[in-house]
N, C-alpha and C. Protein backbone atom coordinates (compact mmCIF):
# COMPACT_ATOMS: atom_id res chain seq x y z
N UNK A 1 77.14 102.56 99.34
CA UNK A 1 77.60 101.43 100.12
C UNK A 1 76.52 101.10 101.14
N UNK A 2 76.11 99.85 101.14
CA UNK A 2 75.13 99.37 102.11
C UNK A 2 75.83 98.47 103.12
N UNK A 3 75.57 98.72 104.38
CA UNK A 3 76.13 97.86 105.42
C UNK A 3 75.23 96.65 105.62
N UNK A 4 75.86 95.51 105.79
CA UNK A 4 75.14 94.30 106.15
C UNK A 4 75.46 94.02 107.62
N UNK A 5 74.48 93.66 108.39
CA UNK A 5 74.68 93.32 109.80
C UNK A 5 74.46 91.83 109.99
N UNK A 6 75.41 91.19 110.65
CA UNK A 6 75.35 89.75 110.83
C UNK A 6 75.75 89.42 112.27
N UNK A 7 75.00 88.54 112.88
CA UNK A 7 75.34 88.09 114.24
C UNK A 7 76.47 87.06 114.18
N UNK A 8 77.22 86.97 115.24
CA UNK A 8 78.34 86.02 115.27
C UNK A 8 77.85 84.59 115.06
N UNK A 9 76.69 84.27 115.60
CA UNK A 9 76.17 82.91 115.41
C UNK A 9 75.84 82.65 113.94
N UNK A 10 75.35 83.68 113.22
CA UNK A 10 75.08 83.52 111.79
C UNK A 10 76.37 83.28 111.02
N UNK A 11 77.43 83.95 111.43
CA UNK A 11 78.71 83.74 110.76
C UNK A 11 79.19 82.31 110.98
N UNK A 12 79.05 81.82 112.18
CA UNK A 12 79.47 80.44 112.47
C UNK A 12 78.69 79.43 111.62
N UNK A 13 77.43 79.69 111.41
CA UNK A 13 76.57 78.75 110.68
C UNK A 13 76.65 78.93 109.16
N UNK A 14 76.88 80.15 108.70
CA UNK A 14 76.78 80.46 107.27
C UNK A 14 77.98 81.21 106.73
N UNK A 15 79.17 80.91 107.22
CA UNK A 15 80.35 81.69 106.85
C UNK A 15 80.56 81.74 105.34
N UNK A 16 80.50 80.62 104.68
CA UNK A 16 80.75 80.58 103.24
C UNK A 16 79.76 81.46 102.47
N UNK A 17 78.50 81.36 102.83
CA UNK A 17 77.46 82.15 102.17
C UNK A 17 77.68 83.65 102.41
N UNK A 18 78.00 84.01 103.63
CA UNK A 18 78.24 85.43 103.97
C UNK A 18 79.47 85.94 103.23
N UNK A 19 80.51 85.14 103.17
CA UNK A 19 81.73 85.53 102.47
C UNK A 19 81.47 85.73 100.98
N UNK A 20 80.72 84.84 100.38
CA UNK A 20 80.37 84.98 98.96
C UNK A 20 79.56 86.25 98.71
N UNK A 21 78.62 86.53 99.60
CA UNK A 21 77.80 87.74 99.45
C UNK A 21 78.67 88.99 99.61
N UNK A 22 79.61 88.94 100.52
CA UNK A 22 80.54 90.06 100.72
C UNK A 22 81.29 90.37 99.43
N UNK A 23 81.76 89.35 98.76
CA UNK A 23 82.54 89.56 97.54
C UNK A 23 81.69 89.89 96.33
N UNK A 24 80.44 89.51 96.33
CA UNK A 24 79.60 89.87 95.18
C UNK A 24 79.02 91.27 95.32
N UNK A 25 78.70 91.68 96.52
CA UNK A 25 78.11 93.01 96.71
C UNK A 25 79.16 94.08 97.03
N UNK A 26 80.32 93.66 97.55
CA UNK A 26 81.37 94.57 98.02
C UNK A 26 80.90 95.48 99.15
N UNK A 27 79.79 95.12 99.78
CA UNK A 27 79.29 95.88 100.93
C UNK A 27 79.89 95.30 102.21
N UNK A 28 80.43 96.16 103.07
CA UNK A 28 80.99 95.67 104.33
C UNK A 28 79.95 94.93 105.17
N UNK A 29 80.45 93.98 105.94
CA UNK A 29 79.60 93.21 106.84
C UNK A 29 79.98 93.57 108.27
N UNK A 30 79.03 94.10 109.01
CA UNK A 30 79.25 94.45 110.41
C UNK A 30 78.87 93.24 111.25
N UNK A 31 79.81 92.81 112.07
CA UNK A 31 79.58 91.63 112.92
C UNK A 31 79.07 92.11 114.28
N UNK A 32 77.95 91.54 114.68
CA UNK A 32 77.32 91.91 115.95
C UNK A 32 77.48 90.79 116.97
N UNK A 33 77.85 91.16 118.18
CA UNK A 33 77.85 90.22 119.30
C UNK A 33 76.95 90.84 120.35
N UNK A 34 75.90 90.14 120.70
CA UNK A 34 74.90 90.67 121.65
C UNK A 34 74.39 92.03 121.20
N UNK A 35 74.11 92.13 119.92
CA UNK A 35 73.56 93.34 119.27
C UNK A 35 74.52 94.53 119.29
N UNK A 36 75.80 94.29 119.58
CA UNK A 36 76.80 95.36 119.62
C UNK A 36 77.80 95.12 118.50
N UNK A 37 78.08 96.13 117.66
CA UNK A 37 79.08 95.96 116.60
C UNK A 37 80.47 95.71 117.20
N UNK A 38 81.11 94.62 116.77
CA UNK A 38 82.43 94.28 117.31
C UNK A 38 83.50 94.19 116.24
N UNK A 39 83.07 94.07 114.98
CA UNK A 39 84.05 93.89 113.92
C UNK A 39 83.39 94.21 112.58
N UNK A 40 84.25 94.37 111.56
CA UNK A 40 83.75 94.61 110.21
C UNK A 40 84.53 93.72 109.25
N UNK A 41 83.81 93.05 108.38
CA UNK A 41 84.43 92.27 107.31
C UNK A 41 84.29 93.09 106.04
N UNK A 42 85.38 93.20 105.27
CA UNK A 42 85.30 93.92 104.01
C UNK A 42 86.23 93.26 103.00
N UNK A 43 85.98 93.48 101.72
CA UNK A 43 86.84 92.88 100.70
C UNK A 43 88.28 93.35 100.87
N UNK A 44 89.22 92.47 100.54
CA UNK A 44 90.64 92.76 100.72
C UNK A 44 91.06 94.01 99.95
N UNK A 45 90.53 94.19 98.76
CA UNK A 45 90.86 95.38 97.96
C UNK A 45 90.45 96.66 98.69
N UNK A 46 89.32 96.62 99.37
CA UNK A 46 88.87 97.78 100.14
C UNK A 46 89.78 98.02 101.34
N UNK A 47 90.20 96.95 101.99
CA UNK A 47 91.15 97.06 103.10
C UNK A 47 92.45 97.71 102.61
N UNK A 48 92.95 97.28 101.46
CA UNK A 48 94.17 97.85 100.91
C UNK A 48 93.99 99.34 100.60
N UNK A 49 92.85 99.69 100.04
CA UNK A 49 92.56 101.08 99.71
C UNK A 49 92.55 101.95 100.97
N UNK A 50 91.89 101.47 102.00
CA UNK A 50 91.83 102.22 103.26
C UNK A 50 93.21 102.33 103.89
N UNK A 51 93.98 101.26 103.84
CA UNK A 51 95.34 101.29 104.39
C UNK A 51 96.22 102.30 103.67
N UNK A 52 96.08 102.38 102.36
CA UNK A 52 96.86 103.33 101.58
C UNK A 52 96.47 104.77 101.93
N UNK A 53 95.18 105.01 102.08
CA UNK A 53 94.71 106.34 102.48
C UNK A 53 95.28 106.71 103.85
N UNK A 54 95.30 105.76 104.75
CA UNK A 54 95.83 106.02 106.09
C UNK A 54 97.33 106.35 106.02
N UNK A 55 98.08 105.62 105.21
CA UNK A 55 99.51 105.91 105.05
C UNK A 55 99.71 107.31 104.48
N UNK A 56 98.91 107.68 103.49
CA UNK A 56 99.03 109.01 102.89
C UNK A 56 98.71 110.10 103.91
N UNK A 57 97.71 109.86 104.74
CA UNK A 57 97.34 110.83 105.76
C UNK A 57 98.46 110.99 106.79
N UNK A 58 99.06 109.89 107.21
CA UNK A 58 100.18 109.95 108.16
C UNK A 58 101.34 110.72 107.54
N UNK A 59 101.65 110.44 106.29
CA UNK A 59 102.74 111.14 105.60
C UNK A 59 102.43 112.63 105.50
N UNK A 60 101.21 112.98 105.14
CA UNK A 60 100.81 114.38 105.04
C UNK A 60 100.97 115.09 106.38
N UNK A 61 100.50 114.45 107.46
CA UNK A 61 100.61 115.06 108.79
C UNK A 61 102.07 115.22 109.20
N UNK A 62 102.88 114.20 108.92
CA UNK A 62 104.30 114.28 109.27
C UNK A 62 104.97 115.42 108.51
N UNK A 63 104.72 115.53 107.21
CA UNK A 63 105.34 116.59 106.41
C UNK A 63 104.89 117.97 106.89
N UNK A 64 103.63 118.09 107.26
CA UNK A 64 103.12 119.36 107.78
C UNK A 64 103.83 119.72 109.09
N UNK A 65 103.95 118.74 109.96
CA UNK A 65 104.64 118.97 111.24
C UNK A 65 106.11 119.30 111.01
N UNK A 66 106.74 118.59 110.09
CA UNK A 66 108.16 118.82 109.77
C UNK A 66 108.38 120.26 109.29
N UNK A 67 107.49 120.73 108.41
CA UNK A 67 107.61 122.11 107.90
C UNK A 67 107.42 123.12 109.03
N UNK A 68 106.44 122.86 109.89
CA UNK A 68 106.20 123.77 111.01
C UNK A 68 107.40 123.81 111.96
N UNK A 69 107.99 122.66 112.22
CA UNK A 69 109.18 122.62 113.08
C UNK A 69 110.33 123.38 112.42
N UNK A 70 110.45 123.25 111.11
CA UNK A 70 111.49 123.98 110.38
C UNK A 70 111.32 125.48 110.52
N UNK A 71 110.06 125.94 110.44
CA UNK A 71 109.80 127.38 110.59
C UNK A 71 110.11 127.85 112.01
N UNK A 72 109.68 127.06 112.99
CA UNK A 72 109.90 127.44 114.39
C UNK A 72 111.38 127.45 114.76
N UNK A 73 112.14 126.58 114.13
CA UNK A 73 113.56 126.44 114.48
C UNK A 73 114.48 127.08 113.46
N UNK A 74 113.96 127.95 112.62
CA UNK A 74 114.77 128.56 111.56
C UNK A 74 115.96 129.34 112.12
N UNK A 75 115.82 129.90 113.30
CA UNK A 75 116.89 130.70 113.88
C UNK A 75 117.74 129.93 114.88
N UNK A 76 117.58 128.62 114.94
CA UNK A 76 118.35 127.80 115.88
C UNK A 76 119.52 127.17 115.14
N UNK A 77 120.69 127.25 115.73
CA UNK A 77 121.89 126.70 115.08
C UNK A 77 121.89 125.17 115.16
N UNK A 78 122.66 124.53 114.28
CA UNK A 78 122.80 123.07 114.29
C UNK A 78 123.40 122.60 115.61
N UNK A 79 124.34 123.37 116.16
CA UNK A 79 124.97 123.00 117.42
C UNK A 79 123.95 122.98 118.56
N UNK A 80 123.07 123.98 118.58
CA UNK A 80 122.04 124.03 119.62
C UNK A 80 121.06 122.87 119.47
N UNK A 81 120.71 122.55 118.24
CA UNK A 81 119.83 121.41 117.99
C UNK A 81 120.49 120.11 118.47
N UNK A 82 121.79 119.94 118.15
CA UNK A 82 122.52 118.74 118.58
C UNK A 82 122.53 118.63 120.10
N UNK A 83 122.76 119.75 120.80
CA UNK A 83 122.76 119.73 122.27
C UNK A 83 121.38 119.33 122.80
N UNK A 84 120.32 119.88 122.20
CA UNK A 84 118.97 119.55 122.64
C UNK A 84 118.65 118.06 122.41
N UNK A 85 119.09 117.53 121.28
CA UNK A 85 118.85 116.11 120.98
C UNK A 85 119.58 115.23 121.99
N UNK A 86 120.82 115.55 122.28
CA UNK A 86 121.59 114.76 123.26
C UNK A 86 120.95 114.85 124.64
N UNK A 87 120.49 116.00 125.03
CA UNK A 87 119.82 116.17 126.32
C UNK A 87 118.53 115.33 126.36
N UNK A 88 117.80 115.30 125.27
CA UNK A 88 116.58 114.51 125.20
C UNK A 88 116.88 113.01 125.31
N UNK A 89 117.98 112.58 124.69
CA UNK A 89 118.39 111.17 124.78
C UNK A 89 118.73 110.80 126.22
N UNK A 90 119.49 111.66 126.89
CA UNK A 90 119.86 111.39 128.28
C UNK A 90 118.61 111.35 129.17
N UNK A 91 117.71 112.25 128.95
CA UNK A 91 116.45 112.28 129.70
C UNK A 91 115.66 110.98 129.49
N UNK A 92 115.58 110.55 128.25
CA UNK A 92 114.84 109.33 127.92
C UNK A 92 115.46 108.11 128.59
N UNK A 93 116.78 108.03 128.61
CA UNK A 93 117.46 106.90 129.25
C UNK A 93 117.18 106.88 130.74
N UNK A 94 117.17 108.05 131.39
CA UNK A 94 116.90 108.10 132.83
C UNK A 94 115.47 107.69 133.15
N UNK A 95 114.56 107.92 132.24
CA UNK A 95 113.14 107.61 132.46
C UNK A 95 112.80 106.14 132.30
N UNK A 96 113.72 105.35 131.75
CA UNK A 96 113.45 103.92 131.52
C UNK A 96 113.42 103.18 132.77
């Protein structure tokens, strides 16, 4: 993957050409403002792929945390958990 760097003024003047090049090369375009990267343009399929990876990572982390909580709370009764949840709700309401 090769990054293309484009200034914001170039995008304003040559948007169609830059967009066509983006789709033919599939290389991300880094947008520079005052020589500082401010944004990235990438093909929609690549955006979807990255979004799916992010969702999978969030799900993986959640499941890992859920399992760890299950292990830590294996000896806690449902009644004690219910009391803790209600106490947390009351605390949250007071903090608003």
